[in-house]
Amino acid sequence: MMHDKTALLLMEYLDGALPAEERQQLEAQLAQDADLRKNLEELQAVLLQLEQLPEQTPSSGLDARFDTFLQAEKRQLQSPNWLGRLRSFQALSRVEWQLAATFALLIIGLGFGWFWRVNQQQQAEIAALRQEMRSTQKMLVLAMLEEPSASDRIQAVNVLEQEKADPQIIKALINTLNFDDMVNVRMKAAQALGSFAADPNARKALINSLATQDSPEVQITIIEILVALGDKGAVPSLRSMSEDEELMDFVRQQAAVGLDVLL
C-alpha cells in the first residue's frame, strides 16, 4: 500500500512544488516503477475530477448566517464555560476533519488499487507456476512409459490414470495398450483407458484393440471393461470373437456372455 509520504510527494510533483533535485529523483523512480506510475495516474484522475466540480457561489443569505455563526463562536471562545469551548473546537475543526477524511479516503483508494493489482499478479504467477509444474510432471511420467522396467511403466500408467484426460495422455495409453511387450502393462493401460471412457477415442481404441491382442488376459480385461461401460459399439467385435475357433474357449465364452449383456 502506498505510504502517506509517497502520496504527498506525488501531489507536490503534480503541483510543481518539488525542488529540482527531488523532482529528478522522482521522475527516475517513475521510469522504473510501474506501480508508482499507476498511482500517479490514479492521483491525477482524482485531482482532475475535483477540478471539474462546479464552483459554488454562496448566497447573500448564507453569508449573513455565517457571520452570525462566527460571532456566536467568538462569544463561546471568550466564555469560561468549558462546554462552549468544546463545541467551538469541534465546529472550527470540522473543515479540517473533512479534509483529512478526504485525503485518507484517497490514500486508501490508491492503496487498495495497488494491493488488488499486486494480488492479481501474484495469483496469475502462482497459476502459471502450477501449470508449468503439472506439464513437467506429465512429460516425466510419459517418458517413464519408455523405461525398460515394466514396474516403472505400470507406475506411469497409474499416475496417468489420475490425470485429466487430454489427447496426449490418451495417445500414450493407446500406444502402450497396443505395443507394450508386457501383458500386465497392457492390461493396466486398458483399465486406464476405461477410466477415460468419456473420451470417444479411448472407447474406440479399446474396441479396435480386441482384434489385435494376442493375450487372453488382455482380451478378457478389455471385454469386461466394454461390457461394464455398456458400449454397444463393441457388439460386432464380440460376436466375431465368440465365433472365432482360434481363440481359447474361455475367451470365446466371455465374448459370448458380454454379447448377451449388450444385446
C-alpha atoms as a PDB file:
ATOM      1  CA  MET A   1       0.000   0.000   0.000  1.00  0.00           C
ATOM      2  CA  MET A   2       1.269   3.493  -0.838  1.00  0.00           C
ATOM      3  CA  HIS A   3       2.523   5.437   2.196  1.00  0.00           C
ATOM      4  CA  ASP A   4       1.287   8.912   3.085  1.00  0.00           C
ATOM      5  CA  LYS A   5       4.768  10.308   2.375  1.00  0.00           C
ATOM      6  CA  THR A   6       4.708   8.917  -1.155  1.00  0.00           C
ATOM      7  CA  ALA A   7       1.222  10.310  -1.771  1.00  0.00           C
ATOM      8  CA  LEU A   8       2.287  13.766  -0.579  1.00  0.00           C
ATOM      9  CA  LEU A   9       5.380  13.583  -2.755  1.00  0.00           C
ATOM     10  CA  LEU A  10       3.258  12.773  -5.816  1.00  0.00           C
ATOM     11  CA  MET A  11       0.858  15.596  -5.028  1.00  0.00           C
ATOM     12  CA  GLU A  12       3.743  18.053  -4.717  1.00  0.00           C
ATOM     13  CA  TYR A  13       5.108  16.733  -8.001  1.00  0.00           C
ATOM     14  CA  LEU A  14       1.802  17.343  -9.757  1.00  0.00           C
ATOM     15  CA  ASP A  15       1.578  20.778  -8.166  1.00  0.00           C
ATOM     16  CA  GLY A  16       5.084  21.663  -9.396  1.00  0.00           C
ATOM     17  CA  ALA A  17       6.239  22.319  -5.841  1.00  0.00           C
ATOM     18  CA  LEU A  18       9.099  19.824  -5.718  1.00  0.00           C
ATOM     19  CA  PRO A  19      12.705  21.092  -5.787  1.00  0.00           C
ATOM     20  CA  ALA A  20      14.537  20.275  -8.998  1.00  0.00           C
ATOM     21  CA  GLU A  21      16.700  17.565  -7.430  1.00  0.00           C
ATOM     22  CA  GLU A  22      13.764  15.749  -5.791  1.00  0.00           C
ATOM     23  CA  ARG A  23      11.761  16.074  -8.986  1.00  0.00           C
ATOM     24  CA  GLN A  24      14.539  14.418 -10.995  1.00  0.00           C
ATOM     25  CA  GLN A  25      14.819  11.603  -8.446  1.00  0.00           C
ATOM     26  CA  LEU A  26      11.073  11.012  -8.546  1.00  0.00           C
ATOM     27  CA  GLU A  27      10.967  11.002 -12.347  1.00  0.00           C
ATOM     28  CA  ALA A  28      13.786   8.457 -12.405  1.00  0.00           C
ATOM     29  CA  GLN A  29      11.830   6.287  -9.986  1.00  0.00           C
ATOM     30  CA  LEU A  30       8.667   6.668 -12.063  1.00  0.00           C
ATOM     31  CA  ALA A  31      10.530   5.496 -15.146  1.00  0.00           C
ATOM     32  CA  GLN A  32      11.406   2.226 -13.384  1.00  0.00           C
ATOM     33  CA  ASP A  33       8.388   1.590 -11.145  1.00  0.00           C
ATOM     34  CA  ALA A  34       5.168   0.693 -12.987  1.00  0.00           C
ATOM     35  CA  ASP A  35       3.130   0.626  -9.759  1.00  0.00           C
ATOM     36  CA  LEU A  36       4.286   4.130  -8.854  1.00  0.00           C
ATOM     37  CA  ARG A  37       3.334   5.365 -12.321  1.00  0.00           C
ATOM     38  CA  LYS A  38      -0.091   3.788 -11.867  1.00  0.00           C
ATOM     39  CA  ASN A  39      -0.509   5.542  -8.526  1.00  0.00           C
ATOM     40  CA  LEU A  40       0.440   8.830 -10.150  1.00  0.00           C
ATOM     41  CA  GLU A  41      -2.124   8.302 -12.917  1.00  0.00           C
ATOM     42  CA  GLU A  42      -4.851   7.496 -10.385  1.00  0.00           C
ATOM     43  CA  LEU A  43      -3.972  10.575  -8.343  1.00  0.00           C
ATOM     44  CA  GLN A  44      -4.078  12.716 -11.484  1.00  0.00           C
ATOM     45  CA  ALA A  45      -7.518  11.323 -12.315  1.00  0.00           C
ATOM     46  CA  VAL A  46      -8.834  12.106  -8.819  1.00  0.00           C
ATOM     47  CA  LEU A  47      -7.471  15.641  -8.885  1.00  0.00           C
ATOM     48  CA  LEU A  48      -8.909  16.175 -12.360  1.00  0.00           C
ATOM     49  CA  GLN A  49     -12.337  15.136 -11.128  1.00  0.00           C
ATOM     50  CA  LEU A  50     -12.016  17.535  -8.199  1.00  0.00           C
ATOM     51  CA  GLU A  51     -11.069  20.359 -10.560  1.00  0.00           C
ATOM     52  CA  GLN A  52     -14.112  19.654 -12.704  1.00  0.00           C
ATOM     53  CA  LEU A  53     -16.542  20.036  -9.823  1.00  0.00           C
ATOM     54  CA  PRO A  54     -18.723  23.138 -10.355  1.00  0.00           C
ATOM     55  CA  GLU A  55     -17.762  26.147  -8.299  1.00  0.00           C
ATOM     56  CA  GLN A  56     -20.405  27.020  -5.746  1.00  0.00           C
ATOM     57  CA  THR A  57     -21.046  30.722  -5.027  1.00  0.00           C
ATOM     58  CA  PRO A  58     -22.534  31.306  -1.577  1.00  0.00           C
ATOM     59  CA  SER A  59     -25.740  33.301  -1.454  1.00  0.00           C
ATOM     60  CA  SER A  60     -26.081  36.542   0.477  1.00  0.00           C
ATOM     61  CA  GLY A  61     -28.299  34.742   2.986  1.00  0.00           C
ATOM     62  CA  LEU A  62     -25.569  32.165   3.592  1.00  0.00           C
ATOM     63  CA  ASP A  63     -23.029  34.950   4.175  1.00  0.00           C
ATOM     64  CA  ALA A  64     -25.316  36.528   6.758  1.00  0.00           C
ATOM     65  CA  ARG A  65     -25.875  33.215   8.546  1.00  0.00           C
ATOM     66  CA  PHE A  66     -22.139  32.532   8.567  1.00  0.00           C
ATOM     67  CA  ASP A  67     -21.412  35.953  10.094  1.00  0.00           C
ATOM     68  CA  THR A  68     -23.987  35.281  12.796  1.00  0.00           C
ATOM     69  CA  PHE A  69     -22.456  31.832  13.441  1.00  0.00           C
ATOM     70  CA  LEU A  70     -18.949  33.289  13.595  1.00  0.00           C
ATOM     71  CA  GLN A  71     -19.931  35.941  16.131  1.00  0.00           C
ATOM     72  CA  ALA A  72     -21.605  33.296  18.282  1.00  0.00           C
ATOM     73  CA  GLU A  73     -18.490  31.157  18.150  1.00  0.00           C
ATOM     74  CA  LYS A  74     -16.304  34.083  19.193  1.00  0.00           C
ATOM     75  CA  ARG A  75     -18.531  34.642  22.204  1.00  0.00           C
ATOM     76  CA  GLN A  76     -18.253  30.968  23.136  1.00  0.00           C
ATOM     77  CA  LEU A  77     -14.478  31.143  22.898  1.00  0.00           C
ATOM     78  CA  GLN A  78     -14.466  34.097  25.281  1.00  0.00           C
ATOM     79  CA  SER A  79     -16.844  32.301  27.668  1.00  0.00           C
ATOM     80  CA  PRO A  80     -15.370  30.433  30.640  1.00  0.00           C
ATOM     81  CA  ASN A  81     -17.940  27.704  30.041  1.00  0.00           C
ATOM     82  CA  TRP A  82     -15.917  24.568  29.136  1.00  0.00           C
ATOM     83  CA  LEU A  83     -18.788  23.004  27.175  1.00  0.00           C
ATOM     84  CA  GLY A  84     -18.988  26.059  24.957  1.00  0.00           C
ATOM     85  CA  ARG A  85     -15.244  25.902  24.314  1.00  0.00           C
ATOM     86  CA  LEU A  86     -15.510  22.223  23.401  1.00  0.00           C
ATOM     87  CA  ARG A  87     -18.354  22.853  20.974  1.00  0.00           C
ATOM     88  CA  SER A  88     -16.409  25.717  19.455  1.00  0.00           C
ATOM     89  CA  PHE A  89     -13.369  23.500  18.933  1.00  0.00           C
ATOM     90  CA  GLN A  90     -15.488  20.848  17.275  1.00  0.00           C
ATOM     91  CA  ALA A  91     -17.110  23.380  14.942  1.00  0.00           C
ATOM     92  CA  LEU A  92     -13.882  25.124  13.992  1.00  0.00           C
ATOM     93  CA  SER A  93     -12.085  21.846  13.237  1.00  0.00           C
ATOM     94  CA  ARG A  94     -14.893  20.342  11.143  1.00  0.00           C
ATOM     95  CA  VAL A  95     -13.400  21.525   7.845  1.00  0.00           C
ATOM     96  CA  GLU A  96     -10.005  20.172   8.823  1.00  0.00           C
ATOM     97  CA  TRP A  97     -11.562  16.827   9.701  1.00  0.00           C
ATOM     98  CA  GLN A  98     -13.337  16.742   6.339  1.00  0.00           C
ATOM     99  CA  LEU A  99     -10.097  17.493   4.503  1.00  0.00           C
ATOM    100  CA  ALA A 100      -8.256  14.822   6.487  1.00  0.00           C
ATOM    101  CA  ALA A 101     -11.016  12.287   5.827  1.00  0.00           C
ATOM    102  CA  THR A 102     -10.981  13.077   2.100  1.00  0.00           C
ATOM    103  CA  PHE A 103      -7.220  12.631   1.949  1.00  0.00           C
ATOM    104  CA  ALA A 104      -7.422   9.384   3.950  1.00  0.00           C
ATOM    105  CA  LEU A 105     -10.040   8.002   1.564  1.00  0.00           C
ATOM    106  CA  LEU A 106      -7.826   8.953  -1.365  1.00  0.00           C
ATOM    107  CA  ILE A 107      -4.854   7.113   0.139  1.00  0.00           C
ATOM    108  CA  ILE A 108      -6.996   4.081   0.973  1.00  0.00           C
ATOM    109  CA  GLY A 109      -8.365   4.005  -2.575  1.00  0.00           C
ATOM    110  CA  LEU A 110      -4.897   4.210  -4.115  1.00  0.00           C
ATOM    111  CA  GLY A 111      -3.579   1.597  -1.710  1.00  0.00           C
ATOM    112  CA  PHE A 112      -6.466  -0.772  -2.385  1.00  0.00           C
ATOM    113  CA  GLY A 113      -5.947  -0.426  -6.126  1.00  0.00           C
ATOM    114  CA  TRP A 114      -2.255  -1.200  -5.737  1.00  0.00           C
ATOM    115  CA  PHE A 115      -2.932  -4.173  -3.454  1.00  0.00           C
ATOM    116  CA  TRP A 116      -5.571  -5.559  -5.829  1.00  0.00           C
ATOM    117  CA  ARG A 117      -3.198  -5.361  -8.803  1.00  0.00           C
ATOM    118  CA  VAL A 118      -0.359  -6.994  -6.880  1.00  0.00           C
ATOM    119  CA  ASN A 119      -2.668  -9.746  -5.619  1.00  0.00           C
ATOM    120  CA  GLN A 120      -3.982 -10.448  -9.134  1.00  0.00           C
ATOM    121  CA  GLN A 121      -0.442 -10.561 -10.481  1.00  0.00           C
ATOM    122  CA  GLN A 122       0.641 -12.974  -7.730  1.00  0.00           C
ATOM    123  CA  GLN A 123      -2.356 -15.226  -8.365  1.00  0.00           C
ATOM    124  CA  ALA A 124      -1.572 -15.301 -12.092  1.00  0.00           C
ATOM    125  CA  GLU A 125       2.075 -16.138 -11.401  1.00  0.00           C
ATOM    126  CA  ILE A 126       1.122 -18.931  -8.995  1.00  0.00           C
ATOM    127  CA  ALA A 127      -1.345 -20.389 -11.504  1.00  0.00           C
ATOM    128  CA  ALA A 128       1.271 -20.259 -14.259  1.00  0.00           C
ATOM    129  CA  LEU A 129       3.834 -21.949 -11.998  1.00  0.00           C
ATOM    130  CA  ARG A 130       1.387 -24.705 -11.078  1.00  0.00           C
ATOM    131  CA  GLN A 131       0.554 -25.276 -14.736  1.00  0.00           C
ATOM    132  CA  GLU A 132       4.244 -25.465 -15.592  1.00  0.00           C
ATOM    133  CA  MET A 133       4.817 -27.981 -12.796  1.00  0.00           C
ATOM    134  CA  ARG A 134       1.894 -30.127 -13.985  1.00  0.00           C
ATOM    135  CA  SER A 135       3.182 -30.049 -17.559  1.00  0.00           C
ATOM    136  CA  THR A 136       6.682 -31.017 -16.428  1.00  0.00           C
ATOM    137  CA  GLN A 137       5.320 -33.836 -14.273  1.00  0.00           C
ATOM    138  CA  LYS A 138       3.220 -35.149 -17.162  1.00  0.00           C
ATOM    139  CA  MET A 139       6.206 -35.141 -19.522  1.00  0.00           C
ATOM    140  CA  LEU A 140       8.272 -37.064 -16.975  1.00  0.00           C
ATOM    141  CA  VAL A 141       5.510 -39.633 -16.497  1.00  0.00           C
ATOM    142  CA  LEU A 142       5.055 -40.065 -20.260  1.00  0.00           C
ATOM    143  CA  ALA A 143       8.801 -40.613 -20.558  1.00  0.00           C
ATOM    144  CA  MET A 144       8.522 -43.379 -17.952  1.00  0.00           C
ATOM    145  CA  LEU A 145       6.379 -45.361 -20.411  1.00  0.00           C
ATOM    146  CA  GLU A 146       9.572 -45.893 -22.410  1.00  0.00           C
ATOM    147  CA  GLU A 147      11.517 -47.254 -19.435  1.00  0.00           C
ATOM    148  CA  PRO A 148      12.794 -50.836 -19.727  1.00  0.00           C
ATOM    149  CA  SER A 149      11.341 -51.730 -16.313  1.00  0.00           C
ATOM    150  CA  ALA A 150       7.754 -52.998 -16.511  1.00  0.00           C
ATOM    151  CA  SER A 151       7.105 -51.851 -12.935  1.00  0.00           C
ATOM    152  CA  ASP A 152       8.128 -48.306 -13.916  1.00  0.00           C
ATOM    153  CA  ARG A 153       5.775 -48.386 -16.875  1.00  0.00           C
ATOM    154  CA  ILE A 154       2.910 -49.649 -14.702  1.00  0.00           C
ATOM    155  CA  GLN A 155       3.626 -46.882 -12.209  1.00  0.00           C
ATOM    156  CA  ALA A 156       3.499 -44.355 -15.050  1.00  0.00           C
ATOM    157  CA  VAL A 157       0.118 -45.694 -16.201  1.00  0.00           C
ATOM    158  CA  ASN A 158      -1.180 -45.460 -12.624  1.00  0.00           C
ATOM    159  CA  VAL A 159      -0.192 -41.802 -12.445  1.00  0.00           C
ATOM    160  CA  LEU A 160      -1.685 -41.001 -15.855  1.00  0.00           C
ATOM    161  CA  GLU A 161      -4.939 -42.637 -14.804  1.00  0.00           C
ATOM    162  CA  GLN A 162      -5.306 -39.946 -12.118  1.00  0.00           C
ATOM    163  CA  GLU A 163      -4.711 -37.085 -14.545  1.00  0.00           C
ATOM    164  CA  LYS A 164      -7.316 -35.197 -16.517  1.00  0.00           C
ATOM    165  CA  ALA A 165      -7.662 -36.818 -19.927  1.00  0.00           C
ATOM    166  CA  ASP A 166      -6.129 -34.991 -22.856  1.00  0.00           C
ATOM    167  CA  PRO A 167      -5.145 -36.135 -26.369  1.00  0.00           C
ATOM    168  CA  GLN A 168      -1.505 -36.618 -25.393  1.00  0.00           C
ATOM    169  CA  ILE A 169      -2.345 -38.933 -22.482  1.00  0.00           C
ATOM    170  CA  ILE A 170      -4.929 -40.904 -24.473  1.00  0.00           C
ATOM    171  CA  LYS A 171      -2.471 -41.391 -27.331  1.00  0.00           C
ATOM    172  CA  ALA A 172       0.267 -42.604 -24.962  1.00  0.00           C
ATOM    173  CA  LEU A 173      -2.077 -45.103 -23.298  1.00  0.00           C
ATOM    174  CA  ILE A 174      -3.317 -46.422 -26.662  1.00  0.00           C
ATOM    175  CA  ASN A 175       0.263 -46.910 -27.781  1.00  0.00           C
ATOM    176  CA  THR A 176       1.045 -48.788 -24.544  1.00  0.00           C
ATOM    177  CA  LEU A 177      -2.070 -50.975 -24.911  1.00  0.00           C
ATOM    178  CA  ASN A 178      -1.207 -51.983 -28.463  1.00  0.00           C
ATOM    179  CA  PHE A 179       2.577 -52.263 -28.390  1.00  0.00           C
ATOM    180  CA  ASP A 180       3.937 -52.851 -24.897  1.00  0.00           C
ATOM    181  CA  ASP A 181       5.591 -56.269 -24.711  1.00  0.00           C
ATOM    182  CA  MET A 182       4.387 -56.997 -21.173  1.00  0.00           C
ATOM    183  CA  VAL A 183       0.872 -58.364 -20.629  1.00  0.00           C
ATOM    184  CA  ASN A 184       0.384 -56.776 -17.202  1.00  0.00           C
ATOM    185  CA  VAL A 185       1.366 -53.351 -18.570  1.00  0.00           C
ATOM    186  CA  ARG A 186      -1.125 -53.689 -21.443  1.00  0.00           C
ATOM    187  CA  MET A 187      -3.855 -54.759 -19.017  1.00  0.00           C
ATOM    188  CA  LYS A 188      -3.181 -51.699 -16.867  1.00  0.00           C
ATOM    189  CA  ALA A 189      -3.279 -49.444 -19.942  1.00  0.00           C
ATOM    190  CA  ALA A 190      -6.667 -50.922 -20.898  1.00  0.00           C
ATOM    191  CA  GLN A 191      -8.008 -50.176 -17.410  1.00  0.00           C
ATOM    192  CA  ALA A 192      -6.707 -46.621 -17.616  1.00  0.00           C
ATOM    193  CA  LEU A 193      -8.414 -46.102 -20.971  1.00  0.00           C
ATOM    194  CA  GLY A 194     -11.603 -47.461 -19.427  1.00  0.00           C
ATOM    195  CA  SER A 195     -11.416 -44.741 -16.774  1.00  0.00           C
ATOM    196  CA  PHE A 196     -11.294 -42.199 -19.636  1.00  0.00           C
ATOM    197  CA  ALA A 197     -14.343 -43.728 -21.329  1.00  0.00           C
ATOM    198  CA  ALA A 198     -15.953 -40.307 -21.688  1.00  0.00           C
ATOM    199  CA  ASP A 199     -13.413 -39.721 -24.454  1.00  0.00           C
ATOM    200  CA  PRO A 200     -14.636 -41.376 -27.694  1.00  0.00           C
ATOM    201  CA  ASN A 201     -11.067 -42.081 -28.772  1.00  0.00           C
ATOM    202  CA  ALA A 202     -10.466 -44.144 -25.637  1.00  0.00           C
ATOM    203  CA  ARG A 203     -13.560 -46.317 -26.270  1.00  0.00           C
ATOM    204  CA  LYS A 204     -12.701 -46.724 -29.933  1.00  0.00           C
ATOM    205  CA  ALA A 205      -9.148 -47.773 -29.078  1.00  0.00           C
ATOM    206  CA  LEU A 206     -10.410 -50.467 -26.685  1.00  0.00           C
ATOM    207  CA  ILE A 207     -12.767 -51.900 -29.312  1.00  0.00           C
ATOM    208  CA  ASN A 208     -10.153 -51.850 -32.068  1.00  0.00           C
ATOM    209  CA  SER A 209      -7.568 -53.450 -29.805  1.00  0.00           C
ATOM    210  CA  LEU A 210      -9.711 -56.572 -29.389  1.00  0.00           C
ATOM    211  CA  ALA A 211      -8.838 -57.617 -32.949  1.00  0.00           C
ATOM    212  CA  THR A 212      -5.080 -57.267 -32.434  1.00  0.00           C
ATOM    213  CA  GLN A 213      -4.481 -58.530 -28.901  1.00  0.00           C
ATOM    214  CA  ASP A 214      -2.940 -61.999 -28.671  1.00  0.00           C
ATOM    215  CA  SER A 215      -3.052 -62.280 -24.885  1.00  0.00           C
ATOM    216  CA  PRO A 216      -6.187 -63.925 -23.422  1.00  0.00           C
ATOM    217  CA  GLU A 217      -5.727 -61.930 -20.211  1.00  0.00           C
ATOM    218  CA  VAL A 218      -5.743 -58.605 -22.102  1.00  0.00           C
ATOM    219  CA  GLN A 219      -8.667 -59.720 -24.282  1.00  0.00           C
ATOM    220  CA  ILE A 220     -10.794 -60.598 -21.259  1.00  0.00           C
ATOM    221  CA  THR A 221      -9.813 -57.377 -19.497  1.00  0.00           C
ATOM    222  CA  ILE A 222     -10.980 -55.326 -22.489  1.00  0.00           C
ATOM    223  CA  ILE A 223     -14.209 -57.340 -22.830  1.00  0.00           C
ATOM    224  CA  GLU A 224     -15.056 -56.765 -19.160  1.00  0.00           C
ATOM    225  CA  ILE A 225     -14.379 -53.030 -19.481  1.00  0.00           C
ATOM    226  CA  LEU A 226     -16.554 -52.625 -22.588  1.00  0.00           C
ATOM    227  CA  VAL A 227     -19.412 -54.642 -21.110  1.00  0.00           C
ATOM    228  CA  ALA A 228     -19.258 -52.626 -17.864  1.00  0.00           C
ATOM    229  CA  LEU A 229     -19.450 -49.451 -19.955  1.00  0.00           C
ATOM    230  CA  GLY A 230     -22.436 -50.850 -21.866  1.00  0.00           C
ATOM    231  CA  ASP A 231     -20.758 -49.906 -25.127  1.00  0.00           C
ATOM    232  CA  LYS A 232     -22.864 -51.390 -27.933  1.00  0.00           C
ATOM    233  CA  GLY A 233     -20.159 -50.389 -30.379  1.00  0.00           C
ATOM    234  CA  ALA A 234     -18.320 -53.490 -29.186  1.00  0.00           C
ATOM    235  CA  VAL A 235     -21.100 -55.840 -30.348  1.00  0.00           C
ATOM    236  CA  PRO A 236     -19.594 -56.678 -33.804  1.00  0.00           C
ATOM    237  CA  SER A 237     -16.180 -57.407 -32.292  1.00  0.00           C
ATOM    238  CA  LEU A 238     -17.646 -59.554 -29.511  1.00  0.00           C
ATOM    239  CA  ARG A 239     -19.773 -61.518 -31.981  1.00  0.00           C
ATOM    240  CA  SER A 240     -16.698 -62.145 -34.137  1.00  0.00           C
ATOM    241  CA  MET A 241     -14.675 -63.269 -31.120  1.00  0.00           C
ATOM    242  CA  SER A 242     -17.439 -65.580 -29.874  1.00  0.00           C
ATOM    243  CA  GLU A 243     -17.341 -67.383 -33.238  1.00  0.00           C
ATOM    244  CA  ASP A 244     -13.549 -67.449 -33.664  1.00  0.00           C
ATOM    245  CA  GLU A 245     -12.395 -71.064 -33.258  1.00  0.00           C
ATOM    246  CA  GLU A 246      -8.760 -69.984 -32.974  1.00  0.00           C
ATOM    247  CA  LEU A 247      -9.382 -68.214 -29.674  1.00  0.00           C
ATOM    248  CA  MET A 248      -9.232 -70.024 -26.378  1.00  0.00           C
ATOM    249  CA  ASP A 249     -12.557 -71.415 -25.193  1.00  0.00           C
ATOM    250  CA  PHE A 250     -12.870 -69.219 -22.104  1.00  0.00           C
ATOM    251  CA  VAL A 251     -12.181 -66.099 -24.218  1.00  0.00           C
ATOM    252  CA  ARG A 252     -14.951 -67.081 -26.678  1.00  0.00           C
ATOM    253  CA  GLN A 253     -17.265 -67.795 -23.781  1.00  0.00           C
ATOM    254  CA  GLN A 254     -16.501 -64.416 -22.172  1.00  0.00           C
ATOM    255  CA  ALA A 255     -17.171 -62.714 -25.508  1.00  0.00           C
ATOM    256  CA  ALA A 256     -20.488 -64.567 -25.860  1.00  0.00           C
ATOM    257  CA  VAL A 257     -21.551 -63.596 -22.323  1.00  0.00           C
ATOM    258  CA  GLY A 258     -20.663 -59.967 -22.975  1.00  0.00           C
ATOM    259  CA  LEU A 259     -22.566 -60.070 -26.248  1.00  0.00           C
ATOM    260  CA  ASP A 260     -25.710 -61.293 -24.483  1.00  0.00           C
ATOM    261  CA  VAL A 261     -25.419 -58.465 -21.941  1.00  0.00           C
ATOM    262  CA  LEU A 262     -25.067 -55.754 -24.578  1.00  0.00           C
ATOM    263  CA  LEU A 263     -27.856 -57.025 -26.843  1.00  0.00           C
END
